[in-house]
């Protein structure tokens, strides 16, 4: 609920779905009465199945990952009806960042500009000091629910030496905004 509120209030999206609490197919139908036209999938599993059932005619799906299967020994498998892909003429394509390596530097410049202008937002959980590194790493690797807890930012989690922490978000260069 807190993440959905952040999406609506800060990012000003028209609607958001709480995948843990909402009836996903019902919310998709409510938010996308004409069907889903474009979907960037990084989750797979039941979320992808629900979206595929709601895809619009000539819809497009970019598949970047299958988070729902990362902790499994089984390969990620789609459970949706492939004939819907045929009848709705849906285009599904894999997305790998390496295919766009030549455009990464230009994208970084554009993203930094949008970040400075306030057109996009970035939430970072910044931990200062080397002693904070194990906790930061655990939060990143294990995806603890506390990352999304009351007032806590979600997104990247870094452990930086105290002298570098103050410079992180304002440093021009590869990572700074």
N, C-alpha and C. Protein backbone atom coordinates (compact mmCIF):
# COMPACT_ATOMS: atom_id res chain seq x y z
N UNK A 1 0.82 -1.19 0.00
CA UNK A 1 0.00 0.00 0.00
C UNK A 1 0.87 1.26 0.00
N UNK A 2 1.95 1.25 0.80
CA UNK A 2 2.82 2.43 0.87
C UNK A 2 3.52 2.67 -0.47
N UNK A 3 3.95 1.60 -1.10
CA UNK A 3 4.62 1.74 -2.39
C UNK A 3 3.64 2.25 -3.45
N UNK A 4 2.41 1.75 -3.43
CA UNK A 4 1.39 2.23 -4.38
C UNK A 4 1.10 3.71 -4.16
N UNK A 5 1.03 4.13 -2.90
CA UNK A 5 0.80 5.55 -2.60
C UNK A 5 1.95 6.39 -3.13
N UNK A 6 3.20 5.92 -2.95
CA UNK A 6 4.36 6.64 -3.47
C UNK A 6 4.29 6.76 -4.99
N UNK A 7 3.89 5.68 -5.65
CA UNK A 7 3.77 5.70 -7.10
C UNK A 7 2.72 6.72 -7.56
N UNK A 8 1.58 6.74 -6.88
CA UNK A 8 0.51 7.67 -7.26
C UNK A 8 0.84 9.11 -6.89
N UNK A 9 1.35 9.33 -5.67
CA UNK A 9 1.56 10.69 -5.18
C UNK A 9 2.84 11.32 -5.69
N UNK A 10 3.94 10.58 -5.68
CA UNK A 10 5.22 11.15 -6.08
C UNK A 10 5.45 11.04 -7.59
N UNK A 11 5.23 9.86 -8.12
CA UNK A 11 5.46 9.66 -9.55
C UNK A 11 4.25 10.04 -10.40
N UNK A 12 3.12 10.25 -9.74
CA UNK A 12 1.88 10.68 -10.39
C UNK A 12 1.39 9.72 -11.46
N UNK A 13 1.54 8.41 -11.20
CA UNK A 13 0.96 7.44 -12.12
C UNK A 13 -0.55 7.43 -11.92
N UNK A 14 -1.27 7.04 -12.94
CA UNK A 14 -2.73 7.04 -12.88
C UNK A 14 -3.27 6.00 -11.91
N UNK A 15 -2.59 4.88 -11.79
CA UNK A 15 -3.06 3.82 -10.91
C UNK A 15 -1.92 2.88 -10.58
N UNK A 16 -2.08 2.12 -9.52
CA UNK A 16 -1.05 1.16 -9.11
C UNK A 16 -1.75 -0.07 -8.54
N UNK A 17 -1.07 -1.20 -8.62
CA UNK A 17 -1.62 -2.45 -8.12
C UNK A 17 -0.70 -2.98 -7.03
N UNK A 18 -1.29 -3.31 -5.90
CA UNK A 18 -0.56 -3.94 -4.81
C UNK A 18 -0.65 -5.44 -5.05
N UNK A 19 0.42 -6.03 -5.57
CA UNK A 19 0.37 -7.43 -5.96
C UNK A 19 0.17 -8.38 -4.79
N UNK A 20 0.42 -7.90 -3.57
CA UNK A 20 0.23 -8.75 -2.39
C UNK A 20 -1.20 -8.68 -1.86
N UNK A 21 -1.90 -7.60 -2.12
CA UNK A 21 -3.22 -7.41 -1.51
C UNK A 21 -4.36 -7.33 -2.53
N UNK A 22 -4.10 -6.86 -3.73
CA UNK A 22 -5.16 -6.66 -4.71
C UNK A 22 -5.45 -7.92 -5.52
N UNK A 23 -6.65 -7.98 -6.05
CA UNK A 23 -7.02 -9.00 -7.04
C UNK A 23 -6.46 -8.47 -8.37
N UNK A 24 -5.33 -9.01 -8.79
CA UNK A 24 -4.59 -8.45 -9.93
C UNK A 24 -5.42 -8.44 -11.21
N UNK A 25 -6.04 -9.54 -11.60
CA UNK A 25 -6.85 -9.47 -12.85
C UNK A 25 -7.96 -8.42 -12.77
N UNK A 26 -8.64 -8.33 -11.62
CA UNK A 26 -9.72 -7.35 -11.49
C UNK A 26 -9.19 -5.92 -11.56
N UNK A 27 -8.05 -5.64 -10.90
CA UNK A 27 -7.47 -4.29 -10.94
C UNK A 27 -6.97 -3.95 -12.34
N UNK A 28 -6.38 -4.92 -13.04
CA UNK A 28 -5.94 -4.67 -14.41
C UNK A 28 -7.13 -4.30 -15.30
N UNK A 29 -8.23 -5.04 -15.16
CA UNK A 29 -9.42 -4.74 -15.95
C UNK A 29 -9.97 -3.36 -15.62
N UNK A 30 -9.91 -2.98 -14.33
CA UNK A 30 -10.38 -1.66 -13.91
C UNK A 30 -9.48 -0.55 -14.44
N UNK A 31 -8.16 -0.73 -14.33
CA UNK A 31 -7.22 0.31 -14.73
C UNK A 31 -7.00 0.37 -16.24
N UNK A 32 -7.20 -0.75 -16.92
CA UNK A 32 -6.95 -0.82 -18.37
C UNK A 32 -8.17 -1.40 -19.07
N UNK A 33 -9.29 -0.66 -19.10
CA UNK A 33 -10.51 -1.23 -19.68
C UNK A 33 -10.39 -1.55 -21.17
N UNK A 34 -9.45 -0.93 -21.86
CA UNK A 34 -9.22 -1.22 -23.27
C UNK A 34 -8.14 -2.28 -23.46
N UNK A 35 -7.64 -2.82 -22.36
CA UNK A 35 -6.58 -3.81 -22.41
C UNK A 35 -5.22 -3.16 -22.19
N UNK A 36 -4.23 -3.99 -21.93
CA UNK A 36 -2.86 -3.52 -21.71
C UNK A 36 -2.18 -3.44 -23.07
N UNK A 37 -1.67 -2.27 -23.41
CA UNK A 37 -1.05 -2.08 -24.72
C UNK A 37 0.45 -2.35 -24.70
N UNK A 38 1.13 -1.97 -23.60
CA UNK A 38 2.57 -2.17 -23.48
C UNK A 38 2.86 -2.65 -22.06
N UNK A 39 3.66 -3.71 -21.96
CA UNK A 39 4.01 -4.25 -20.65
C UNK A 39 5.48 -4.62 -20.63
N UNK A 40 6.21 -4.11 -19.64
CA UNK A 40 7.62 -4.45 -19.43
C UNK A 40 7.65 -5.44 -18.29
N UNK A 41 7.97 -6.69 -18.58
CA UNK A 41 7.91 -7.76 -17.58
C UNK A 41 9.28 -8.09 -17.04
N UNK A 42 9.37 -8.04 -15.71
CA UNK A 42 10.59 -8.44 -15.03
C UNK A 42 10.26 -9.47 -13.94
N UNK A 43 9.00 -9.90 -13.89
CA UNK A 43 8.55 -10.75 -12.81
C UNK A 43 8.16 -12.15 -13.29
N UNK A 44 7.36 -12.23 -14.35
CA UNK A 44 6.89 -13.52 -14.84
C UNK A 44 5.82 -14.09 -13.93
N UNK A 45 5.64 -15.40 -13.98
CA UNK A 45 4.71 -16.10 -13.09
C UNK A 45 3.29 -15.60 -13.20
N UNK A 46 2.61 -15.55 -12.05
CA UNK A 46 1.20 -15.19 -11.99
C UNK A 46 0.94 -13.76 -12.48
N UNK A 47 1.90 -12.86 -12.26
CA UNK A 47 1.72 -11.47 -12.72
C UNK A 47 1.68 -11.44 -14.25
N UNK A 48 2.63 -12.10 -14.88
CA UNK A 48 2.65 -12.14 -16.34
C UNK A 48 1.39 -12.81 -16.87
N UNK A 49 0.96 -13.89 -16.24
CA UNK A 49 -0.26 -14.57 -16.68
C UNK A 49 -1.45 -13.63 -16.65
N UNK A 50 -1.59 -12.87 -15.55
CA UNK A 50 -2.71 -11.94 -15.42
C UNK A 50 -2.65 -10.85 -16.48
N UNK A 51 -1.47 -10.33 -16.75
CA UNK A 51 -1.32 -9.29 -17.77
C UNK A 51 -1.63 -9.85 -19.16
N UNK A 52 -1.11 -11.03 -19.45
CA UNK A 52 -1.34 -11.63 -20.77
C UNK A 52 -2.83 -11.84 -21.04
N UNK A 53 -3.60 -12.15 -19.99
CA UNK A 53 -5.04 -12.30 -20.15
C UNK A 53 -5.72 -10.98 -20.47
N UNK A 54 -5.06 -9.86 -20.14
CA UNK A 54 -5.65 -8.53 -20.35
C UNK A 54 -5.02 -7.77 -21.53
N UNK A 55 -4.15 -8.42 -22.29
CA UNK A 55 -3.46 -7.72 -23.38
C UNK A 55 -4.43 -7.26 -24.46
N UNK A 56 -4.17 -6.07 -24.98
CA UNK A 56 -4.97 -5.49 -26.06
C UNK A 56 -4.52 -6.05 -27.40
N UNK A 57 -5.36 -5.87 -28.39
CA UNK A 57 -5.02 -6.24 -29.76
C UNK A 57 -3.74 -5.50 -30.16
N UNK A 58 -2.78 -6.20 -30.70
CA UNK A 58 -1.48 -5.66 -31.12
C UNK A 58 -0.65 -5.14 -29.94
N UNK A 59 -0.89 -5.67 -28.75
CA UNK A 59 -0.11 -5.28 -27.57
C UNK A 59 1.33 -5.73 -27.71
N UNK A 60 2.20 -5.12 -26.90
CA UNK A 60 3.63 -5.44 -26.94
C UNK A 60 4.11 -5.75 -25.53
N UNK A 61 4.94 -6.78 -25.42
CA UNK A 61 5.50 -7.20 -24.13
C UNK A 61 7.01 -7.30 -24.28
N UNK A 62 7.74 -6.58 -23.45
CA UNK A 62 9.20 -6.72 -23.37
C UNK A 62 9.49 -7.52 -22.12
N UNK A 63 10.21 -8.64 -22.28
CA UNK A 63 10.52 -9.51 -21.15
C UNK A 63 11.99 -9.32 -20.79
N UNK A 64 12.22 -8.83 -19.55
CA UNK A 64 13.56 -8.53 -19.10
C UNK A 64 14.07 -9.53 -18.07
N UNK A 65 13.17 -10.15 -17.34
CA UNK A 65 13.56 -11.09 -16.31
C UNK A 65 12.38 -11.93 -15.87
N UNK A 66 12.62 -12.82 -14.95
CA UNK A 66 11.58 -13.70 -14.43
C UNK A 66 11.79 -13.85 -12.93
N UNK A 67 11.67 -12.77 -12.20
CA UNK A 67 11.92 -12.73 -10.77
C UNK A 67 11.19 -13.83 -10.01
N UNK A 68 10.00 -14.17 -10.46
CA UNK A 68 9.21 -15.19 -9.76
C UNK A 68 9.89 -16.56 -9.79
N UNK A 69 10.82 -16.78 -10.70
CA UNK A 69 11.48 -18.08 -10.82
C UNK A 69 12.94 -18.05 -10.35
N UNK A 70 13.44 -16.92 -9.89
CA UNK A 70 14.85 -16.82 -9.52
C UNK A 70 15.22 -17.73 -8.35
N UNK A 71 14.28 -17.98 -7.44
CA UNK A 71 14.57 -18.83 -6.29
C UNK A 71 14.16 -20.28 -6.51
N UNK A 72 13.95 -20.65 -7.76
CA UNK A 72 13.48 -21.99 -8.08
C UNK A 72 14.52 -22.75 -8.89
N UNK A 73 14.49 -24.05 -8.76
CA UNK A 73 15.35 -24.90 -9.58
C UNK A 73 14.72 -25.17 -10.94
N UNK A 74 13.46 -24.80 -11.09
CA UNK A 74 12.74 -25.02 -12.35
C UNK A 74 12.88 -23.79 -13.25
N UNK A 75 12.93 -24.00 -14.56
CA UNK A 75 12.97 -22.85 -15.47
C UNK A 75 11.65 -22.09 -15.43
N UNK A 76 11.72 -20.81 -15.75
CA UNK A 76 10.51 -19.98 -15.80
C UNK A 76 9.65 -20.46 -16.96
N UNK A 77 8.41 -20.73 -16.67
CA UNK A 77 7.49 -21.18 -17.71
C UNK A 77 6.27 -20.28 -17.71
N UNK A 78 5.84 -19.91 -18.90
CA UNK A 78 4.61 -19.14 -19.04
C UNK A 78 3.42 -20.08 -18.93
N UNK A 79 2.38 -19.63 -18.25
CA UNK A 79 1.19 -20.45 -18.10
C UNK A 79 0.02 -19.89 -18.89
N UNK A 80 0.23 -18.82 -19.62
CA UNK A 80 -0.86 -18.18 -20.34
C UNK A 80 -1.16 -18.93 -21.65
N UNK A 81 -2.32 -18.66 -22.18
CA UNK A 81 -2.80 -19.30 -23.40
C UNK A 81 -2.10 -18.66 -24.61
N UNK A 82 -1.21 -19.40 -25.23
CA UNK A 82 -0.46 -18.86 -26.37
C UNK A 82 -1.35 -18.51 -27.56
N UNK A 83 -2.53 -19.09 -27.65
CA UNK A 83 -3.43 -18.74 -28.76
C UNK A 83 -3.92 -17.30 -28.62
N UNK A 84 -3.94 -16.77 -27.38
CA UNK A 84 -4.28 -15.36 -27.21
C UNK A 84 -3.22 -14.48 -27.87
N UNK A 85 -1.97 -14.94 -27.83
CA UNK A 85 -0.89 -14.21 -28.50
C UNK A 85 -1.17 -14.16 -30.00
N UNK A 86 -1.61 -15.26 -30.54
CA UNK A 86 -1.90 -15.35 -31.98
C UNK A 86 -3.11 -14.48 -32.32
N UNK A 87 -4.22 -14.71 -31.64
CA UNK A 87 -5.46 -14.01 -32.00
C UNK A 87 -5.39 -12.51 -31.75
N UNK A 88 -4.67 -12.11 -30.72
CA UNK A 88 -4.54 -10.68 -30.42
C UNK A 88 -3.32 -10.05 -31.09
N UNK A 89 -2.56 -10.86 -31.82
CA UNK A 89 -1.35 -10.38 -32.53
C UNK A 89 -0.40 -9.65 -31.58
N UNK A 90 -0.14 -10.27 -30.44
CA UNK A 90 0.72 -9.69 -29.41
C UNK A 90 2.17 -9.96 -29.78
N UNK A 91 2.99 -8.95 -29.64
CA UNK A 91 4.42 -9.09 -29.89
C UNK A 91 5.14 -9.23 -28.55
N UNK A 92 5.94 -10.30 -28.40
CA UNK A 92 6.72 -10.54 -27.19
C UNK A 92 8.19 -10.58 -27.59
N UNK A 93 8.99 -9.79 -26.89
CA UNK A 93 10.42 -9.72 -27.24
C UNK A 93 11.26 -9.66 -25.97
N UNK A 94 12.36 -10.39 -25.98
CA UNK A 94 13.30 -10.33 -24.87
C UNK A 94 14.04 -9.00 -24.89
N UNK A 95 14.35 -8.49 -23.70
CA UNK A 95 15.07 -7.22 -23.57
C UNK A 95 16.33 -7.47 -22.75
N UNK A 96 17.47 -7.24 -23.35
CA UNK A 96 18.76 -7.41 -22.69
C UNK A 96 19.53 -6.10 -22.85
N UNK A 97 19.96 -5.52 -21.75
CA UNK A 97 20.65 -4.23 -21.77
C UNK A 97 21.84 -4.24 -22.72
N UNK A 98 22.56 -5.35 -22.79
CA UNK A 98 23.74 -5.42 -23.66
C UNK A 98 23.45 -5.10 -25.11
N UNK A 99 22.21 -5.30 -25.55
CA UNK A 99 21.85 -4.95 -26.93
C UNK A 99 21.89 -3.45 -27.17
N UNK A 100 21.91 -2.67 -26.10
CA UNK A 100 21.88 -1.22 -26.20
C UNK A 100 23.14 -0.58 -25.63
N UNK A 101 24.21 -1.34 -25.57
CA UNK A 101 25.46 -0.87 -24.96
C UNK A 101 25.95 0.45 -25.58
N UNK A 102 25.77 0.61 -26.86
CA UNK A 102 26.23 1.83 -27.53
C UNK A 102 25.45 3.06 -27.09
N UNK A 103 24.27 2.87 -26.51
CA UNK A 103 23.43 4.00 -26.10
C UNK A 103 23.46 4.27 -24.60
N UNK A 104 24.21 3.47 -23.83
CA UNK A 104 24.20 3.60 -22.38
C UNK A 104 24.71 4.96 -21.92
N UNK A 105 25.80 5.46 -22.48
CA UNK A 105 26.34 6.76 -22.04
C UNK A 105 25.35 7.89 -22.30
N UNK A 106 24.73 7.90 -23.47
CA UNK A 106 23.73 8.93 -23.78
C UNK A 106 22.53 8.80 -22.85
N UNK A 107 22.13 7.58 -22.54
CA UNK A 107 21.01 7.37 -21.62
C UNK A 107 21.34 7.90 -20.23
N UNK A 108 22.55 7.66 -19.75
CA UNK A 108 22.96 8.17 -18.43
C UNK A 108 22.88 9.68 -18.38
N UNK A 109 23.35 10.34 -19.43
CA UNK A 109 23.30 11.80 -19.48
C UNK A 109 21.85 12.27 -19.43
N UNK A 110 20.98 11.64 -20.22
CA UNK A 110 19.57 12.03 -20.25
C UNK A 110 18.89 11.77 -18.91
N UNK A 111 19.16 10.62 -18.31
CA UNK A 111 18.55 10.30 -17.02
C UNK A 111 19.00 11.25 -15.92
N UNK A 112 20.30 11.62 -15.92
CA UNK A 112 20.79 12.60 -14.93
C UNK A 112 20.08 13.93 -15.11
N UNK A 113 19.90 14.35 -16.35
CA UNK A 113 19.20 15.61 -16.63
C UNK A 113 17.78 15.56 -16.10
N UNK A 114 17.06 14.49 -16.41
CA UNK A 114 15.69 14.35 -15.93
C UNK A 114 15.63 14.30 -14.41
N UNK A 115 16.62 13.67 -13.77
CA UNK A 115 16.66 13.59 -12.32
C UNK A 115 16.86 14.99 -11.72
N UNK A 116 17.79 15.76 -12.28
CA UNK A 116 18.03 17.12 -11.80
C UNK A 116 16.80 18.00 -12.00
N UNK A 117 16.09 17.81 -13.10
CA UNK A 117 14.91 18.62 -13.40
C UNK A 117 13.67 18.18 -12.61
N UNK A 118 13.79 17.05 -11.90
CA UNK A 118 12.65 16.55 -11.13
C UNK A 118 11.64 15.81 -11.97
N UNK A 119 11.99 15.50 -13.21
CA UNK A 119 11.06 14.78 -14.10
C UNK A 119 11.01 13.29 -13.79
N UNK A 120 12.06 12.76 -13.19
CA UNK A 120 12.06 11.39 -12.69
C UNK A 120 12.56 11.42 -11.25
N UNK A 121 12.25 10.39 -10.51
CA UNK A 121 12.62 10.32 -9.10
C UNK A 121 13.39 9.04 -8.84
N UNK A 122 14.30 9.11 -7.88
CA UNK A 122 15.12 7.97 -7.52
C UNK A 122 15.11 7.85 -6.01
N UNK A 123 14.78 6.66 -5.52
CA UNK A 123 14.81 6.42 -4.07
C UNK A 123 16.01 5.54 -3.79
N UNK A 124 16.86 6.02 -2.90
CA UNK A 124 18.09 5.30 -2.58
C UNK A 124 18.18 5.14 -1.07
N UNK A 125 18.52 3.94 -0.63
CA UNK A 125 18.76 3.67 0.78
C UNK A 125 20.28 3.74 0.97
N UNK A 126 20.77 4.85 1.48
CA UNK A 126 22.20 5.11 1.58
C UNK A 126 22.68 4.82 3.00
N UNK A 127 23.62 3.89 3.13
CA UNK A 127 24.20 3.53 4.42
C UNK A 127 25.63 4.04 4.46
N UNK A 128 26.01 4.69 5.54
CA UNK A 128 27.35 5.25 5.64
C UNK A 128 28.26 4.33 6.44
N UNK A 129 29.46 4.13 5.95
CA UNK A 129 30.48 3.39 6.67
C UNK A 129 30.58 1.93 6.26
N UNK A 130 31.79 1.43 6.30
CA UNK A 130 32.08 0.06 5.90
C UNK A 130 31.34 -0.94 6.78
N UNK A 131 31.14 -0.60 8.05
CA UNK A 131 30.45 -1.52 8.97
C UNK A 131 29.00 -1.74 8.57
N UNK A 132 28.43 -0.84 7.79
CA UNK A 132 27.05 -0.97 7.34
C UNK A 132 26.92 -1.86 6.10
N UNK A 133 28.05 -2.20 5.48
CA UNK A 133 28.03 -2.96 4.24
C UNK A 133 27.33 -4.31 4.35
N UNK A 134 27.60 -5.13 5.38
CA UNK A 134 26.90 -6.42 5.45
C UNK A 134 25.38 -6.28 5.49
N UNK A 135 24.87 -5.34 6.29
CA UNK A 135 23.42 -5.14 6.37
C UNK A 135 22.87 -4.65 5.04
N UNK A 136 23.60 -3.74 4.38
CA UNK A 136 23.15 -3.23 3.08
C UNK A 136 23.12 -4.35 2.06
N UNK A 137 24.13 -5.19 2.07
CA UNK A 137 24.17 -6.31 1.13
C UNK A 137 23.03 -7.29 1.39
N UNK A 138 22.77 -7.59 2.65
CA UNK A 138 21.66 -8.49 2.97
C UNK A 138 20.32 -7.92 2.52
N UNK A 139 20.11 -6.64 2.73
CA UNK A 139 18.87 -6.02 2.29
C UNK A 139 18.71 -6.14 0.77
N UNK A 140 19.80 -5.96 0.06
CA UNK A 140 19.76 -6.04 -1.40
C UNK A 140 19.52 -7.47 -1.87
N UNK A 141 20.23 -8.42 -1.28
CA UNK A 141 20.16 -9.80 -1.75
C UNK A 141 18.91 -10.54 -1.31
N UNK A 142 18.48 -10.29 -0.09
CA UNK A 142 17.36 -11.06 0.45
C UNK A 142 16.02 -10.34 0.32
N UNK A 143 16.03 -9.11 -0.14
CA UNK A 143 14.81 -8.35 -0.36
C UNK A 143 13.92 -8.32 0.88
N UNK A 144 14.53 -7.95 2.03
CA UNK A 144 13.77 -7.88 3.27
C UNK A 144 12.59 -6.93 3.11
N UNK A 145 11.42 -7.28 3.65
CA UNK A 145 10.25 -6.40 3.58
C UNK A 145 10.49 -5.06 4.26
N UNK A 146 11.43 -4.99 5.21
CA UNK A 146 11.67 -3.73 5.92
C UNK A 146 12.10 -2.62 4.96
N UNK A 147 12.65 -2.98 3.80
CA UNK A 147 13.08 -1.96 2.84
C UNK A 147 11.91 -1.09 2.41
N UNK A 148 10.71 -1.67 2.43
CA UNK A 148 9.54 -0.92 1.99
C UNK A 148 8.72 -0.41 3.16
N UNK A 149 9.25 -0.55 4.37
CA UNK A 149 8.51 -0.19 5.57
C UNK A 149 8.35 1.31 5.74
N UNK A 150 7.71 1.68 6.81
CA UNK A 150 7.31 3.05 7.11
C UNK A 150 8.43 4.06 6.87
N UNK A 151 8.27 4.84 5.82
CA UNK A 151 9.20 5.92 5.55
C UNK A 151 10.56 5.49 5.02
N UNK A 152 10.81 4.19 4.91
CA UNK A 152 12.11 3.72 4.44
C UNK A 152 12.10 3.70 2.92
N UNK A 153 13.14 4.19 2.30
CA UNK A 153 13.18 4.15 0.85
C UNK A 153 13.40 2.73 0.34
N UNK A 154 12.98 2.50 -0.86
CA UNK A 154 13.30 1.23 -1.51
C UNK A 154 14.13 1.57 -2.73
N UNK A 155 14.70 0.60 -3.35
CA UNK A 155 15.57 0.82 -4.50
C UNK A 155 16.96 0.37 -4.14
N UNK A 156 17.95 1.00 -4.69
CA UNK A 156 19.33 0.60 -4.45
C UNK A 156 19.73 0.85 -3.00
N UNK A 157 20.58 -0.02 -2.51
CA UNK A 157 21.07 0.09 -1.14
C UNK A 157 22.59 0.06 -1.19
N UNK A 158 23.25 1.10 -0.72
CA UNK A 158 24.69 1.21 -0.82
C UNK A 158 25.34 1.39 0.53
N UNK A 159 26.52 0.84 0.69
CA UNK A 159 27.34 1.13 1.85
C UNK A 159 28.54 1.93 1.38
N UNK A 160 28.68 3.16 1.82
CA UNK A 160 29.76 4.03 1.38
C UNK A 160 30.57 4.51 2.57
N UNK A 161 31.86 4.76 2.36
CA UNK A 161 32.63 5.37 3.45
C UNK A 161 32.04 6.74 3.77
N UNK A 162 32.07 7.15 5.05
CA UNK A 162 31.45 8.42 5.44
C UNK A 162 31.90 9.60 4.60
N UNK A 163 33.18 9.65 4.24
CA UNK A 163 33.66 10.80 3.47
C UNK A 163 33.09 10.85 2.07
N UNK A 164 32.63 9.70 1.52
CA UNK A 164 32.07 9.67 0.17
C UNK A 164 30.55 9.81 0.18
N UNK A 165 29.91 9.46 1.28
CA UNK A 165 28.46 9.41 1.32
C UNK A 165 27.83 10.76 0.98
N UNK A 166 28.36 11.85 1.50
CA UNK A 166 27.80 13.16 1.24
C UNK A 166 27.94 13.60 -0.21
N UNK A 167 28.89 13.02 -0.90
CA UNK A 167 29.13 13.39 -2.28
C UNK A 167 28.34 12.54 -3.27
N UNK A 168 27.81 11.42 -2.82
CA UNK A 168 27.25 10.42 -3.73
C UNK A 168 26.22 10.98 -4.71
N UNK A 169 25.19 11.63 -4.21
CA UNK A 169 24.11 12.04 -5.10
C UNK A 169 24.43 13.31 -5.88
N UNK A 170 25.47 14.00 -5.52
CA UNK A 170 25.77 15.28 -6.18
C UNK A 170 27.02 15.26 -7.01
N UNK A 171 27.69 14.14 -7.06
CA UNK A 171 28.95 14.03 -7.79
C UNK A 171 28.69 13.86 -9.28
N UNK A 172 29.24 14.73 -10.12
CA UNK A 172 29.11 14.50 -11.55
C UNK A 172 29.96 13.30 -11.93
N UNK A 173 29.56 12.62 -12.95
CA UNK A 173 30.33 11.45 -13.38
C UNK A 173 29.42 10.27 -13.60
N UNK A 174 30.01 9.11 -13.54
CA UNK A 174 29.30 7.90 -13.94
C UNK A 174 28.02 7.66 -13.13
N UNK A 175 28.06 7.78 -11.80
CA UNK A 175 26.90 7.43 -10.99
C UNK A 175 26.16 8.64 -10.44
N UNK A 176 26.81 9.76 -10.30
CA UNK A 176 26.17 10.90 -9.66
C UNK A 176 25.05 11.50 -10.48
N UNK A 177 24.18 12.22 -9.82
CA UNK A 177 23.03 12.81 -10.51
C UNK A 177 23.35 14.20 -11.01
